[in-house]
Amino acid sequence: MTSRVSRHWLIPKGWPMRGKSDAASAAQEAFEEAGIRGAISAHPIGSYEYDKVRAAAESLRCAVDVYSLEVTEELSQWPEAGNRERRWVPLDQAARLVFEPGLAAMLSVIEPDRLATPATETKRSRRRKG
């Protein structure tokens, strides 16, 4: 799917949610951002880091855990449907399309049988030094 503002290709991601596990937070983001529901993996299938650019502040280094989601429902309408484009592509094509180099590198080494369905993620932030 695409990001809301830059329209770069990525996978659903968001901050951990109070009262939810990281996996449950990732599943919630997949629903809100991509309009998909299903069974989320209990443990991350990979991780990467990137610098989140923020409008009025210094960038923030984020560590991202990626979870696999076995999709059981694909909605035609969802909370961010008007702001994003959703597209299903093979894993190798997804690795070439995504904007974030760390995500591309992670996707390029995942064994296809570990990721039979789309992934979603949660992130932890770290202040970027320098």
C-alpha atoms as a PDB file:
ATOM      1  CA  MET A   1       0.000   0.000   0.000  1.00  0.00           C
ATOM      2  CA  THR A   2       1.061   3.604  -0.299  1.00  0.00           C
ATOM      3  CA  SER A   3       1.732   6.135   2.414  1.00  0.00           C
ATOM      4  CA  ARG A   4      -0.845   8.880   2.808  1.00  0.00           C
ATOM      5  CA  VAL A   5       1.306  11.899   2.003  1.00  0.00           C
ATOM      6  CA  SER A   6       4.320  10.872  -0.093  1.00  0.00           C
ATOM      7  CA  ARG A   7       2.510   7.976  -1.829  1.00  0.00           C
ATOM      8  CA  HIS A   8       5.601   5.785  -1.338  1.00  0.00           C
ATOM      9  CA  TRP A   9       5.016   2.025  -1.256  1.00  0.00           C
ATOM     10  CA  LEU A  10       5.248   0.409   2.185  1.00  0.00           C
ATOM     11  CA  ILE A  11       3.497  -2.081   4.411  1.00  0.00           C
ATOM     12  CA  PRO A  12       1.105  -1.072   7.232  1.00  0.00           C
ATOM     13  CA  LYS A  13       2.878   0.255  10.306  1.00  0.00           C
ATOM     14  CA  GLY A  14       2.077   2.150  13.428  1.00  0.00           C
ATOM     15  CA  TRP A  15       3.035   2.760  17.008  1.00  0.00           C
ATOM     16  CA  PRO A  16       2.302   0.174  19.729  1.00  0.00           C
ATOM     17  CA  MET A  17      -1.169   0.655  21.214  1.00  0.00           C
ATOM     18  CA  ARG A  18      -1.891   0.793  24.923  1.00  0.00           C
ATOM     19  CA  GLY A  19      -3.550  -2.401  26.113  1.00  0.00           C
ATOM     20  CA  LYS A  20      -2.617  -4.368  22.960  1.00  0.00           C
ATOM     21  CA  SER A  21       0.330  -6.591  22.205  1.00  0.00           C
ATOM     22  CA  ASP A  22       2.659  -5.477  19.428  1.00  0.00           C
ATOM     23  CA  ALA A  23       1.140  -8.180  17.215  1.00  0.00           C
ATOM     24  CA  ALA A  24      -2.418  -7.002  17.953  1.00  0.00           C
ATOM     25  CA  SER A  25      -1.348  -3.394  17.280  1.00  0.00           C
ATOM     26  CA  ALA A  26       0.080  -4.496  13.926  1.00  0.00           C
ATOM     27  CA  ALA A  27      -3.170  -6.269  13.042  1.00  0.00           C
ATOM     28  CA  GLN A  28      -5.136  -3.104  13.909  1.00  0.00           C
ATOM     29  CA  GLU A  29      -2.866  -1.032  11.641  1.00  0.00           C
ATOM     30  CA  ALA A  30      -3.375  -3.539   8.805  1.00  0.00           C
ATOM     31  CA  PHE A  31      -7.130  -3.010   9.133  1.00  0.00           C
ATOM     32  CA  GLU A  32      -6.964   0.801   9.371  1.00  0.00           C
ATOM     33  CA  GLU A  33      -4.364   1.364   6.650  1.00  0.00           C
ATOM     34  CA  ALA A  34      -4.914  -1.508   4.199  1.00  0.00           C
ATOM     35  CA  GLY A  35      -8.418  -2.773   4.915  1.00  0.00           C
ATOM     36  CA  ILE A  36      -7.346  -6.330   5.671  1.00  0.00           C
ATOM     37  CA  ARG A  37      -8.113  -8.617   8.596  1.00  0.00           C
ATOM     38  CA  GLY A  38      -6.817 -12.009   9.555  1.00  0.00           C
ATOM     39  CA  ALA A  39      -4.623 -14.047  11.870  1.00  0.00           C
ATOM     40  CA  ILE A  40      -1.463 -12.229  12.942  1.00  0.00           C
ATOM     41  CA  SER A  41       1.760 -14.059  13.804  1.00  0.00           C
ATOM     42  CA  ALA A  42       2.606 -14.042  17.508  1.00  0.00           C
ATOM     43  CA  HIS A  43       6.243 -13.161  16.846  1.00  0.00           C
ATOM     44  CA  PRO A  44       7.938 -10.838  14.353  1.00  0.00           C
ATOM     45  CA  ILE A  45       9.194 -12.382  11.128  1.00  0.00           C
ATOM     46  CA  GLY A  46      11.820  -9.663  10.746  1.00  0.00           C
ATOM     47  CA  SER A  47      12.807  -6.136  11.654  1.00  0.00           C
ATOM     48  CA  TYR A  48      14.513  -3.048  10.262  1.00  0.00           C
ATOM     49  CA  GLU A  49      15.265   0.585  11.140  1.00  0.00           C
ATOM     50  CA  TYR A  50      14.537   3.856   9.386  1.00  0.00           C
ATOM     51  CA  ASP A  51      14.528   7.596  10.085  1.00  0.00           C
ATOM     52  CA  LYS A  52      11.020   8.999  10.426  1.00  0.00           C
ATOM     53  CA  VAL A  53      10.971  12.544   9.110  1.00  0.00           C
ATOM     54  CA  ARG A  54       8.743  14.818  11.159  1.00  0.00           C
ATOM     55  CA  ALA A  55       7.522  18.242  10.086  1.00  0.00           C
ATOM     56  CA  ALA A  56       8.408  20.384  13.083  1.00  0.00           C
ATOM     57  CA  ALA A  57      11.120  18.349  14.797  1.00  0.00           C
ATOM     58  CA  GLU A  58      14.299  16.433  14.221  1.00  0.00           C
ATOM     59  CA  SER A  59      13.971  13.050  12.576  1.00  0.00           C
ATOM     60  CA  LEU A  60      13.330  10.076  14.798  1.00  0.00           C
ATOM     61  CA  ARG A  61      15.157   6.744  14.419  1.00  0.00           C
ATOM     62  CA  CYS A  62      12.545   3.958  14.493  1.00  0.00           C
ATOM     63  CA  ALA A  63      13.101   0.246  14.979  1.00  0.00           C
ATOM     64  CA  VAL A  64      10.333  -1.711  13.272  1.00  0.00           C
ATOM     65  CA  ASP A  65       9.144  -5.260  13.986  1.00  0.00           C
ATOM     66  CA  VAL A  66       7.334  -6.910  11.074  1.00  0.00           C
ATOM     67  CA  TYR A  67       4.542  -9.450  11.605  1.00  0.00           C
ATOM     68  CA  SER A  68       2.960 -11.798   9.094  1.00  0.00           C
ATOM     69  CA  LEU A  69      -0.803 -11.600   8.669  1.00  0.00           C
ATOM     70  CA  GLU A  70      -2.794 -14.495   7.207  1.00  0.00           C
ATOM     71  CA  VAL A  71      -5.482 -12.483   5.435  1.00  0.00           C
ATOM     72  CA  THR A  72      -9.005 -13.817   5.817  1.00  0.00           C
ATOM     73  CA  GLU A  73     -10.905 -10.667   4.846  1.00  0.00           C
ATOM     74  CA  GLU A  74     -10.182  -7.903   2.328  1.00  0.00           C
ATOM     75  CA  LEU A  75     -12.537  -4.950   2.720  1.00  0.00           C
ATOM     76  CA  SER A  76     -13.685  -2.669  -0.082  1.00  0.00           C
ATOM     77  CA  GLN A  77     -14.052   0.211   2.413  1.00  0.00           C
ATOM     78  CA  TRP A  78     -11.785   0.856   5.418  1.00  0.00           C
ATOM     79  CA  PRO A  79     -10.743   3.868   7.542  1.00  0.00           C
ATOM     80  CA  GLU A  80      -7.899   5.089   5.269  1.00  0.00           C
ATOM     81  CA  ALA A  81      -9.211   3.810   1.924  1.00  0.00           C
ATOM     82  CA  GLY A  82      -9.459   7.308   0.451  1.00  0.00           C
ATOM     83  CA  ASN A  83      -5.869   8.115   1.380  1.00  0.00           C
ATOM     84  CA  ARG A  84      -3.991   5.031   0.196  1.00  0.00           C
ATOM     85  CA  GLU A  85      -3.646   2.644  -2.712  1.00  0.00           C
ATOM     86  CA  ARG A  86      -3.577  -1.079  -1.938  1.00  0.00           C
ATOM     87  CA  ARG A  87      -1.971  -3.551  -4.318  1.00  0.00           C
ATOM     88  CA  TRP A  88      -1.110  -7.248  -4.028  1.00  0.00           C
ATOM     89  CA  VAL A  89       2.292  -8.153  -5.483  1.00  0.00           C
ATOM     90  CA  PRO A  90       4.741 -11.072  -5.176  1.00  0.00           C
ATOM     91  CA  LEU A  91       7.346 -10.783  -2.418  1.00  0.00           C
ATOM     92  CA  ASP A  92      10.265 -10.118  -4.789  1.00  0.00           C
ATOM     93  CA  GLN A  93       8.333  -7.290  -6.469  1.00  0.00           C
ATOM     94  CA  ALA A  94       7.353  -5.842  -3.070  1.00  0.00           C
ATOM     95  CA  ALA A  95      11.049  -5.736  -2.107  1.00  0.00           C
ATOM     96  CA  ARG A  96      11.737  -3.672  -5.249  1.00  0.00           C
ATOM     97  CA  LEU A  97       8.721  -1.348  -4.809  1.00  0.00           C
ATOM     98  CA  VAL A  98       8.985  -0.312  -1.155  1.00  0.00           C
ATOM     99  CA  PHE A  99      10.589   3.026  -0.394  1.00  0.00           C
ATOM    100  CA  GLU A 100      12.452   2.263   2.832  1.00  0.00           C
ATOM    101  CA  PRO A 101      15.810   0.530   2.124  1.00  0.00           C
ATOM    102  CA  GLY A 102      15.727  -1.404   5.404  1.00  0.00           C
ATOM    103  CA  LEU A 103      12.293  -2.810   4.600  1.00  0.00           C
ATOM    104  CA  ALA A 104      13.408  -3.701   1.073  1.00  0.00           C
ATOM    105  CA  ALA A 105      16.460  -5.536   2.429  1.00  0.00           C
ATOM    106  CA  MET A 106      14.359  -7.410   5.001  1.00  0.00           C
ATOM    107  CA  LEU A 107      11.761  -8.435   2.412  1.00  0.00           C
ATOM    108  CA  SER A 108      14.438  -9.615  -0.015  1.00  0.00           C
ATOM    109  CA  VAL A 109      15.776 -12.219   2.437  1.00  0.00           C
ATOM    110  CA  ILE A 110      12.480 -13.583   3.770  1.00  0.00           C
ATOM    111  CA  GLU A 111      11.774 -17.119   2.647  1.00  0.00           C
ATOM    112  CA  PRO A 112       8.444 -17.054   0.749  1.00  0.00           C
ATOM    113  CA  ASP A 113       6.982 -19.813   2.940  1.00  0.00           C
ATOM    114  CA  ARG A 114       7.503 -17.554   5.999  1.00  0.00           C
ATOM    115  CA  LEU A 115       5.458 -14.841   4.346  1.00  0.00           C
ATOM    116  CA  ALA A 116       2.600 -16.506   2.531  1.00  0.00           C
ATOM    117  CA  THR A 117       0.501 -13.369   3.042  1.00  0.00           C
ATOM    118  CA  PRO A 118       1.143  -9.615   3.476  1.00  0.00           C
ATOM    119  CA  ALA A 119       3.043  -8.294   6.462  1.00  0.00           C
ATOM    120  CA  THR A 120       2.325  -5.514   8.885  1.00  0.00           C
ATOM    121  CA  GLU A 121       4.516  -3.862  11.470  1.00  0.00           C
ATOM    122  CA  THR A 122       4.882  -1.910  14.672  1.00  0.00           C
ATOM    123  CA  LYS A 123       7.691   0.464  15.462  1.00  0.00           C
ATOM    124  CA  ARG A 124       9.667   1.564  18.473  1.00  0.00           C
ATOM    125  CA  SER A 125      11.233   4.989  18.352  1.00  0.00           C
ATOM    126  CA  ARG A 126      14.694   6.109  19.310  1.00  0.00           C
ATOM    127  CA  ARG A 127      15.885   9.684  19.266  1.00  0.00           C
ATOM    128  CA  ARG A 128      18.314  10.152  16.428  1.00  0.00           C
ATOM    129  CA  LYS A 129      21.659  11.433  17.594  1.00  0.00           C
ATOM    130  CA  GLY A 130      23.474  14.107  15.679  1.00  0.00           C
END
